Amino acid sequence: MRGRELRGELDAFLGEHEHDLVEFRRDLHRHPELAFAEYRTTQRIADRLTAAGLIPSVLPRGTGLICDVGSGDGPTVALRADIDALGLQDEKDVSYRSTVPGSCHACGHDVHTTILLGTSLFLAQQAAAGLLPGRVRLIFQPAEELPGGALEVMAHGGITGVDRIFGLHCDPRLDVGHVGLKPGPITSACDKLVVRVSGPGGHTARPHLTADLVFALAKVLTELPAALSRRVDPRSSLSLVWGKVEAGSAANAIPDDGVAEGTVRCLDENAWHAAPDLIKALLDSVAGAYGIEAQMEYVRGVPPVVNDEMSVEMLAEAAQRALGPGSVAPTQQSLGGEDFAWYLESVPGAFARLGTRTVGGETYDIHQGTFDVDESAIGMGVRLMAATALTALWESRPVTVTDPITSLA
């Protein structure tokens, strides 16, 4: 199938199904479900896949599912979408506004899910027509926001036998019809740090007779990020930012405990692995200088997403074929975390950013109650992911004299 023929088939498919896909996205948007509670969402996806003649396998917790399209002859390419919502109030005045108080799809996972569903239905048609040169594994992953969903998928064999994996994320900074790509690190590692400090407490009139815990905690808050900036290669972008601090209850009493919580983000995998030991040594040094005890809880979140260069090239080829010339745009590294990184620790692949902003329109940022997308991005996403799967399958096959490896060219 040449690129022009692929575009024609995608045009025909979306002409028949795009309205239905938009309605499916709006239904998910009205009924958001948080991490590991996506039971309705999982059932809605499973029903649609089953109706298309596919056999979805729901993960043991009952949320998220895996489904294969095509035969096991040839390479296996995985496509992943995350299905969970965020614990935020939907602030939009739209007909598909969330009906669940304090929960909404403010990160675009409803869009990702709908795109993968549409891609699944298109690929099922290709497989039925004998046009799928291998197998595509569809991963509808729970709990990206927690995180933990990617590890759940992997623990139950979700990427076993997979040769390459692809995913995408809504990008409200890009216009619809554009795809942001970058080889190498594209998102950051993201971990949680909790520091608890303790001391004897006392009267604010006599700080010299006790440990001035609030002052010492303030030093921890300022000295740890400052020291890290001098102990780690700045190109790794290791960043410690505090988000919560608690200590004391009275103006004239030095408390005996306090706590600070923050996130550690990093673009370099080696620096990410070294971060816990380095932060612990720095914390002990600062705490010791002020006579307080300090305990650290370091919670691993996700490593950085590091895109495989060849996989990025496949995405770029697919975008050119399915979306047209000029559709690929360079994108910057982000300090946001994304658990797609866990898959890339084991399997080569790439993560793309899909433009969701109306051309000439406003930018509605993710993780805000006002976030929304231009729904024509759904069709663009289906085009991109379907073309990517086919491109990766053809280019991963062993080349023979009769192998139509250039049939998508």
Protein backbone atom coordinates (compact mmCIF):
# COMPACT_ATOMS: atom_id res chain seq x y z
CA MET A 1 0.00 0.00 0.00
CA ARG A 2 1.58 3.25 -1.13
CA GLY A 3 1.35 6.40 0.93
CA ARG A 4 -1.33 7.85 -1.33
CA GLU A 5 -3.37 4.65 -1.08
CA LEU A 6 -2.98 4.63 2.71
CA ARG A 7 -4.23 8.20 2.93
CA GLY A 8 -7.19 7.26 0.76
CA GLU A 9 -8.09 4.30 2.97
CA LEU A 10 -7.74 6.41 6.11
CA ASP A 11 -9.91 9.12 4.54
CA ALA A 12 -12.60 6.56 3.80
CA PHE A 13 -12.38 5.01 7.26
CA LEU A 14 -12.57 8.35 9.06
CA GLY A 15 -15.35 9.54 6.78
CA GLU A 16 -17.37 6.65 8.15
CA HIS A 17 -16.16 6.59 11.76
CA GLU A 18 -14.83 10.02 12.82
CA HIS A 19 -18.16 11.35 14.13
CA ASP A 20 -18.62 8.19 16.19
CA LEU A 21 -15.10 8.50 17.58
CA VAL A 22 -15.75 12.09 18.65
CA GLU A 23 -18.88 10.93 20.46
CA PHE A 24 -16.90 8.13 22.11
CA ARG A 25 -14.35 10.69 23.37
CA ARG A 26 -17.13 12.91 24.71
CA ASP A 27 -18.67 9.97 26.55
CA LEU A 28 -15.32 9.26 28.23
CA HIS A 29 -14.98 12.94 29.05
CA ARG A 30 -18.37 12.94 30.76
CA HIS A 31 -17.44 9.88 32.83
CA PRO A 32 -13.79 10.24 33.95
CA GLU A 33 -12.29 7.58 36.19
CA LEU A 34 -9.15 7.86 38.30
CA ALA A 35 -6.15 5.54 38.32
CA PHE A 36 -6.97 1.83 38.78
CA ALA A 37 -10.69 2.67 38.92
CA GLU A 38 -11.27 2.82 35.15
CA TYR A 39 -13.86 0.02 35.12
CA ARG A 40 -16.47 1.70 32.93
CA THR A 41 -13.82 3.00 30.55
CA THR A 42 -12.28 -0.46 30.22
CA GLN A 43 -15.67 -2.03 29.52
CA ARG A 44 -16.53 0.57 26.87
CA ILE A 45 -13.24 -0.11 25.07
CA ALA A 46 -13.61 -3.89 25.37
CA ASP A 47 -17.14 -3.77 23.95
CA ARG A 48 -16.03 -1.82 20.89
CA LEU A 49 -13.06 -4.09 20.23
CA THR A 50 -15.18 -7.21 20.64
CA ALA A 51 -17.77 -5.86 18.22
CA ALA A 52 -14.95 -5.46 15.67
CA GLY A 53 -14.09 -9.15 15.98
CA LEU A 54 -11.07 -8.66 18.24
CA ILE A 55 -10.38 -10.46 21.53
CA PRO A 56 -9.40 -8.02 24.30
CA SER A 57 -7.82 -9.28 27.50
CA VAL A 58 -8.62 -7.21 30.59
CA LEU A 59 -5.80 -6.90 33.12
CA PRO A 60 -6.24 -8.80 36.44
CA ARG A 61 -7.26 -5.70 38.46
CA GLY A 62 -10.19 -5.23 36.10
CA THR A 63 -8.94 -1.97 34.59
CA GLY A 64 -6.95 -1.59 31.39
CA LEU A 65 -6.65 -4.17 28.66
CA ILE A 66 -4.41 -5.63 25.97
CA CYS A 67 -5.52 -6.75 22.53
CA ASP A 68 -3.62 -8.12 19.53
CA VAL A 69 -4.50 -7.41 15.90
CA GLY A 70 -3.07 -9.61 13.17
CA SER A 71 -1.06 -12.80 13.21
CA GLY A 72 2.08 -13.72 15.07
CA ASP A 73 3.93 -14.17 11.78
CA GLY A 74 6.36 -11.27 11.48
CA PRO A 75 7.27 -8.47 13.87
CA THR A 76 5.10 -7.19 16.70
CA VAL A 77 4.59 -3.46 17.17
CA ALA A 78 2.81 -2.08 20.25
CA LEU A 79 0.70 1.06 20.45
CA ARG A 80 -0.17 2.44 23.88
CA ALA A 81 -2.80 4.82 25.22
CA ASP A 82 -3.44 5.81 28.86
CA ILE A 83 -7.07 5.76 30.04
CA ASP A 84 -7.20 7.39 33.49
CA ALA A 85 -8.36 10.87 34.46
CA LEU A 86 -7.10 13.51 36.90
CA GLY A 87 -8.49 14.54 40.26
CA LEU A 88 -9.43 18.05 39.13
CA GLN A 89 -12.73 19.86 38.79
CA ASP A 90 -13.88 20.32 35.18
CA GLU A 91 -14.31 24.07 34.69
CA LYS A 92 -15.46 24.05 31.05
CA ASP A 93 -18.95 25.06 29.91
CA VAL A 94 -19.47 22.34 27.28
CA SER A 95 -22.10 19.68 26.67
CA TYR A 96 -19.61 16.93 27.49
CA ARG A 97 -18.42 18.42 30.77
CA SER A 98 -17.47 15.89 33.45
CA THR A 99 -20.39 14.54 35.47
CA VAL A 100 -18.05 13.37 38.24
CA PRO A 101 -17.29 16.07 40.85
CA GLY A 102 -13.57 16.63 41.34
CA SER A 103 -12.51 14.48 38.39
CA CYS A 104 -11.92 15.27 34.73
CA HIS A 105 -9.83 14.40 31.71
CA ALA A 106 -7.53 17.41 32.05
CA CYS A 107 -4.55 15.68 30.42
CA GLY A 108 -6.13 14.37 27.23
CA HIS A 109 -6.18 10.69 28.09
CA ASP A 110 -9.72 10.46 26.71
CA VAL A 111 -8.30 11.67 23.40
CA HIS A 112 -5.38 9.20 23.53
CA THR A 113 -7.81 6.35 24.24
CA THR A 114 -10.15 7.32 21.43
CA ILE A 115 -7.26 7.62 18.97
CA LEU A 116 -6.04 4.14 19.84
CA LEU A 117 -9.57 2.76 19.56
CA GLY A 118 -9.96 4.28 16.09
CA THR A 119 -6.53 2.97 15.11
CA SER A 120 -7.53 -0.48 16.38
CA LEU A 121 -10.66 -0.55 14.23
CA PHE A 122 -8.75 0.55 11.13
CA LEU A 123 -6.00 -2.02 11.68
CA ALA A 124 -8.61 -4.73 12.23
CA GLN A 125 -9.94 -3.95 8.76
CA GLN A 126 -6.41 -4.13 7.35
CA ALA A 127 -5.83 -7.48 9.04
CA ALA A 128 -9.12 -8.87 7.71
CA ALA A 129 -8.03 -7.83 4.20
CA GLY A 130 -4.65 -9.52 4.62
CA LEU A 131 -2.78 -6.21 4.57
CA LEU A 132 -1.20 -6.30 8.02
CA PRO A 133 2.41 -7.59 7.76
CA GLY A 134 2.69 -8.74 11.37
CA ARG A 135 0.97 -8.13 14.67
CA VAL A 136 -0.02 -4.93 16.45
CA ARG A 137 -0.47 -5.06 20.21
CA LEU A 138 -2.93 -2.51 21.56
CA ILE A 139 -2.22 -1.44 25.13
CA PHE A 140 -4.99 0.52 26.86
CA GLN A 141 -3.07 1.29 30.02
CA PRO A 142 -4.56 2.22 33.40
CA ALA A 143 -3.04 4.55 35.97
CA GLU A 144 -0.56 6.73 34.15
CA GLU A 145 -1.20 9.59 36.56
CA LEU A 146 -0.59 7.53 39.70
CA PRO A 147 1.83 6.23 38.23
CA GLY A 148 2.05 2.45 38.17
CA GLY A 149 -0.03 1.40 35.21
CA ALA A 150 2.89 0.73 32.88
CA LEU A 151 4.50 -1.58 35.44
CA GLU A 152 1.15 -3.36 35.82
CA VAL A 153 1.01 -3.94 32.06
CA MET A 154 4.59 -5.21 32.00
CA ALA A 155 4.06 -7.50 34.99
CA HIS A 156 1.33 -9.31 33.06
CA GLY A 157 3.29 -9.79 29.84
CA GLY A 158 2.05 -6.71 28.03
CA ILE A 159 5.28 -6.12 26.12
CA THR A 160 6.50 -9.71 25.92
CA GLY A 161 7.45 -10.40 22.32
CA VAL A 162 7.08 -6.73 21.32
CA ASP A 163 9.78 -5.47 18.94
CA ARG A 164 8.93 -1.77 19.05
CA ILE A 165 6.45 0.48 20.87
CA PHE A 166 4.88 3.88 20.18
CA GLY A 167 2.73 6.34 22.10
CA LEU A 168 1.57 9.92 21.88
CA HIS A 169 0.37 12.77 24.09
CA CYS A 170 -1.79 15.79 23.45
CA ASP A 171 0.24 18.98 23.04
CA PRO A 172 -1.86 22.16 23.27
CA ARG A 173 1.12 24.24 22.14
CA LEU A 174 1.00 22.65 18.66
CA ASP A 175 -1.68 23.27 16.06
CA VAL A 176 -3.84 20.40 14.86
CA GLY A 177 -2.15 18.57 12.02
CA HIS A 178 1.34 18.88 13.50
CA VAL A 179 3.41 16.30 15.39
CA GLY A 180 6.25 17.17 17.76
CA LEU A 181 9.17 14.73 17.59
CA LYS A 182 12.55 14.53 19.29
CA PRO A 183 15.14 11.74 19.43
CA GLY A 184 16.69 11.10 22.85
CA PRO A 185 15.20 12.39 26.12
CA ILE A 186 11.80 14.01 25.57
CA THR A 187 10.39 13.95 29.11
CA SER A 188 11.90 13.89 32.56
CA ALA A 189 12.28 11.38 35.31
CA CYS A 190 9.93 12.30 38.12
CA ASP A 191 10.26 11.09 41.72
CA LYS A 192 8.75 12.17 45.03
CA LEU A 193 10.86 13.27 47.98
CA VAL A 194 9.61 13.51 51.58
CA VAL A 195 11.92 14.91 54.26
CA ARG A 196 10.93 14.70 57.92
CA VAL A 197 12.96 16.60 60.50
CA SER A 198 12.82 16.39 64.28
CA GLY A 199 14.43 18.03 67.30
CA PRO A 200 13.82 18.70 71.00
CA GLY A 201 11.64 21.79 70.44
CA GLY A 202 11.58 24.76 72.81
CA HIS A 203 10.82 28.45 73.31
CA THR A 204 11.59 30.96 70.56
CA ALA A 205 13.23 33.14 73.23
CA ARG A 206 15.96 30.51 73.70
CA PRO A 207 16.85 29.01 70.27
CA HIS A 208 20.46 28.52 71.43
CA LEU A 209 19.31 26.02 74.08
CA THR A 210 17.55 23.78 71.60
CA ALA A 211 17.60 22.99 67.90
CA ASP A 212 15.98 25.78 65.90
CA LEU A 213 14.01 23.34 63.78
CA VAL A 214 12.16 25.80 61.51
CA PHE A 215 15.39 27.62 60.67
CA ALA A 216 17.10 24.30 60.01
CA LEU A 217 14.21 23.13 57.84
CA ALA A 218 14.47 26.37 55.85
CA LYS A 219 18.13 25.59 55.27
CA VAL A 220 17.19 22.14 54.01
CA LEU A 221 14.69 23.74 51.63
CA THR A 222 17.24 26.12 50.16
CA GLU A 223 20.53 24.26 50.48
CA LEU A 224 19.53 20.95 48.91
CA PRO A 225 18.46 22.40 45.53
CA ALA A 226 21.45 24.77 45.54
CA ALA A 227 23.94 22.02 46.32
CA LEU A 228 22.48 19.71 43.68
CA SER A 229 23.04 22.38 41.04
CA ARG A 230 26.77 22.26 41.87
CA ARG A 231 27.14 18.51 42.31
CA VAL A 232 25.45 17.30 39.13
CA ASP A 233 26.21 18.02 35.47
CA PRO A 234 23.79 20.85 34.54
CA ARG A 235 23.07 19.10 31.24
CA SER A 236 21.17 16.43 33.19
CA SER A 237 18.66 19.10 34.34
CA LEU A 238 18.35 17.53 37.80
CA SER A 239 15.79 19.67 39.60
CA LEU A 240 14.44 19.54 43.16
CA VAL A 241 11.36 21.70 43.75
CA TRP A 242 9.40 21.75 47.00
CA GLY A 243 5.61 21.79 46.92
CA LYS A 244 4.59 21.32 50.55
CA VAL A 245 6.10 22.44 53.88
CA GLU A 246 4.65 22.05 57.38
CA ALA A 247 6.12 22.88 60.78
CA GLY A 248 4.85 24.33 64.03
CA SER A 249 1.53 25.64 65.31
CA ALA A 250 2.44 28.68 67.45
CA ALA A 251 4.49 31.79 66.75
CA ASN A 252 6.47 31.60 70.02
CA ALA A 253 7.22 27.85 70.12
CA ILE A 254 9.98 26.04 68.27
CA PRO A 255 8.33 22.82 67.05
CA ASP A 256 9.82 19.39 67.49
CA ASP A 257 9.02 18.14 63.99
CA GLY A 258 8.40 19.30 60.47
CA VAL A 259 8.01 17.92 56.96
CA ALA A 260 8.76 19.00 53.42
CA GLU A 261 7.59 17.30 50.22
CA GLY A 262 8.70 17.90 46.67
CA THR A 263 9.57 16.38 43.33
CA VAL A 264 12.90 15.43 41.82
CA ARG A 265 13.03 15.67 38.04
CA CYS A 266 15.88 14.73 35.74
CA LEU A 267 16.50 14.31 32.00
CA ASP A 268 19.55 12.07 32.33
CA GLU A 269 19.12 8.42 33.25
CA ASN A 270 22.50 8.06 34.98
CA ALA A 271 21.90 11.14 37.14
CA TRP A 272 18.44 9.79 37.94
CA HIS A 273 19.87 6.53 39.26
CA ALA A 274 22.42 8.41 41.39
CA ALA A 275 20.01 11.01 42.80
CA PRO A 276 18.73 9.24 45.97
CA ASP A 277 22.20 8.58 47.45
CA LEU A 278 23.41 12.08 46.61
CA ILE A 279 20.37 13.79 48.11
CA LYS A 280 20.63 11.66 51.26
CA ALA A 281 24.29 12.64 51.77
CA LEU A 282 23.50 16.34 51.28
CA LEU A 283 20.52 16.15 53.66
CA ASP A 284 22.59 14.52 56.40
CA SER A 285 25.23 17.23 56.01
CA VAL A 286 22.76 20.10 56.36
CA ALA A 287 20.83 18.50 59.22
CA GLY A 288 24.00 17.73 61.14
CA ALA A 289 25.11 21.34 60.99
CA TYR A 290 21.98 22.46 62.84
CA GLY A 291 21.59 19.62 65.33
CA ILE A 292 18.39 18.09 63.98
CA GLU A 293 17.50 14.58 62.87
CA ALA A 294 16.42 14.16 59.26
CA GLN A 295 14.78 11.18 57.60
CA MET A 296 14.26 10.89 53.87
CA GLU A 297 11.62 8.96 51.97
CA TYR A 298 12.51 8.75 48.28
CA VAL A 299 9.70 7.36 46.12
CA ARG A 300 10.66 6.32 42.63
CA GLY A 301 8.19 7.57 40.04
CA VAL A 302 9.29 7.16 36.45
CA PRO A 303 12.58 7.33 34.53
CA PRO A 304 12.98 9.78 31.64
CA VAL A 305 11.37 8.93 28.31
CA VAL A 306 14.32 8.41 25.97
CA ASN A 307 13.19 8.08 22.35
CA ASP A 308 14.98 5.62 20.08
CA GLU A 309 16.29 7.47 17.01
CA MET A 310 15.14 4.88 14.48
CA SER A 311 11.67 4.82 16.00
CA VAL A 312 11.47 8.62 15.77
CA GLU A 313 12.37 8.33 12.08
CA MET A 314 9.50 5.86 11.63
CA LEU A 315 7.10 8.30 13.28
CA ALA A 316 8.36 11.09 11.04
CA GLU A 317 7.89 8.94 7.90
CA ALA A 318 4.39 8.01 9.03
CA ALA A 319 3.46 11.64 9.70
CA GLN A 320 4.65 12.68 6.25
CA ARG A 321 2.61 9.91 4.64
CA ALA A 322 -0.56 10.27 6.67
CA LEU A 323 -0.64 13.99 7.56
CA GLY A 324 1.34 15.48 4.70
CA PRO A 325 4.51 17.54 4.20
CA GLY A 326 5.35 20.02 6.93
CA SER A 327 3.46 18.10 9.60
CA VAL A 328 6.56 17.26 11.68
CA ALA A 329 7.86 19.89 14.09
CA PRO A 330 10.81 19.72 16.49
CA THR A 331 9.84 19.74 20.14
CA GLN A 332 11.65 20.57 23.34
CA GLN A 333 12.45 18.38 26.31
CA SER A 334 9.92 18.58 29.11
CA LEU A 335 10.40 18.18 32.85
CA GLY A 336 7.01 16.50 33.05
CA GLY A 337 6.96 12.81 33.95
CA GLU A 338 5.44 10.05 31.81
CA ASP A 339 5.40 6.33 32.63
CA PHE A 340 5.75 5.36 28.97
CA ALA A 341 9.41 5.54 30.00
CA TRP A 342 9.17 2.13 31.65
CA TYR A 343 8.40 0.47 28.31
CA LEU A 344 11.40 2.14 26.70
CA GLU A 345 13.64 0.67 29.39
CA SER A 346 12.96 -2.72 27.76
CA VAL A 347 11.82 -2.10 24.18
CA PRO A 348 12.94 0.45 21.56
CA GLY A 349 10.27 2.95 20.66
CA ALA A 350 9.26 6.57 20.64
CA PHE A 351 6.78 9.01 22.13
CA ALA A 352 5.23 11.77 20.02
CA ARG A 353 3.40 15.00 20.81
CA LEU A 354 0.18 15.49 18.89
CA GLY A 355 -1.04 19.01 18.15
CA THR A 356 -4.48 19.68 19.65
CA ARG A 357 -4.76 23.48 19.35
CA THR A 358 -7.18 24.96 16.84
CA VAL A 359 -5.17 26.82 14.21
CA GLY A 360 -5.13 30.44 15.34
CA GLY A 361 -6.99 29.49 18.53
CA GLU A 362 -6.24 29.63 22.23
CA THR A 363 -3.87 27.35 24.12
CA TYR A 364 -5.60 25.37 26.89
CA ASP A 365 -2.83 23.92 29.03
CA ILE A 366 -2.90 20.39 30.40
CA HIS A 367 -3.56 19.67 34.08
CA GLN A 368 -5.98 22.61 34.22
CA GLY A 369 -9.74 22.40 34.65
CA THR A 370 -10.17 24.41 31.45
CA PHE A 371 -8.20 22.01 29.25
CA ASP A 372 -9.86 20.96 26.01
CA VAL A 373 -8.85 20.01 22.48
CA ASP A 374 -9.82 20.64 18.89
CA GLU A 375 -11.53 17.32 18.26
CA SER A 376 -10.25 17.13 14.68
CA ALA A 377 -7.01 16.04 16.41
CA ILE A 378 -8.65 12.63 16.95
CA GLY A 379 -8.66 11.88 13.24
CA MET A 380 -5.12 13.19 12.92
CA GLY A 381 -4.02 10.90 15.73
CA VAL A 382 -5.67 7.86 14.09
CA ARG A 383 -3.88 8.67 10.84
CA LEU A 384 -0.55 9.01 12.62
CA MET A 385 -0.77 5.88 14.75
CA ALA A 386 -2.12 3.66 11.98
CA ALA A 387 0.59 4.80 9.57
CA THR A 388 3.24 4.40 12.27
CA ALA A 389 2.20 0.82 13.01
CA LEU A 390 2.26 -0.10 9.31
CA THR A 391 5.57 1.68 8.72
CA ALA A 392 7.21 -0.04 11.69
CA LEU A 393 5.88 -3.45 10.67
CA TRP A 394 7.15 -3.19 7.10
CA GLU A 395 10.52 -1.76 8.09
CA SER A 396 11.03 -4.40 10.80
CA ARG A 397 10.45 -7.34 8.43
CA PRO A 398 13.44 -9.23 7.01
CA VAL A 399 14.02 -7.97 3.48
CA THR A 400 13.77 -10.52 0.64
CA VAL A 401 13.65 -10.14 -3.13
CA THR A 402 9.85 -10.43 -3.13
CA ASP A 403 9.20 -8.55 0.12
CA PRO A 404 7.17 -5.38 -0.59
CA ILE A 405 9.22 -3.42 1.94
CA THR A 406 8.79 -0.20 -0.07
CA SER A 407 5.05 -0.58 -0.52
CA LEU A 408 4.36 2.29 1.90
CA ALA A 409 6.87 4.61 0.26
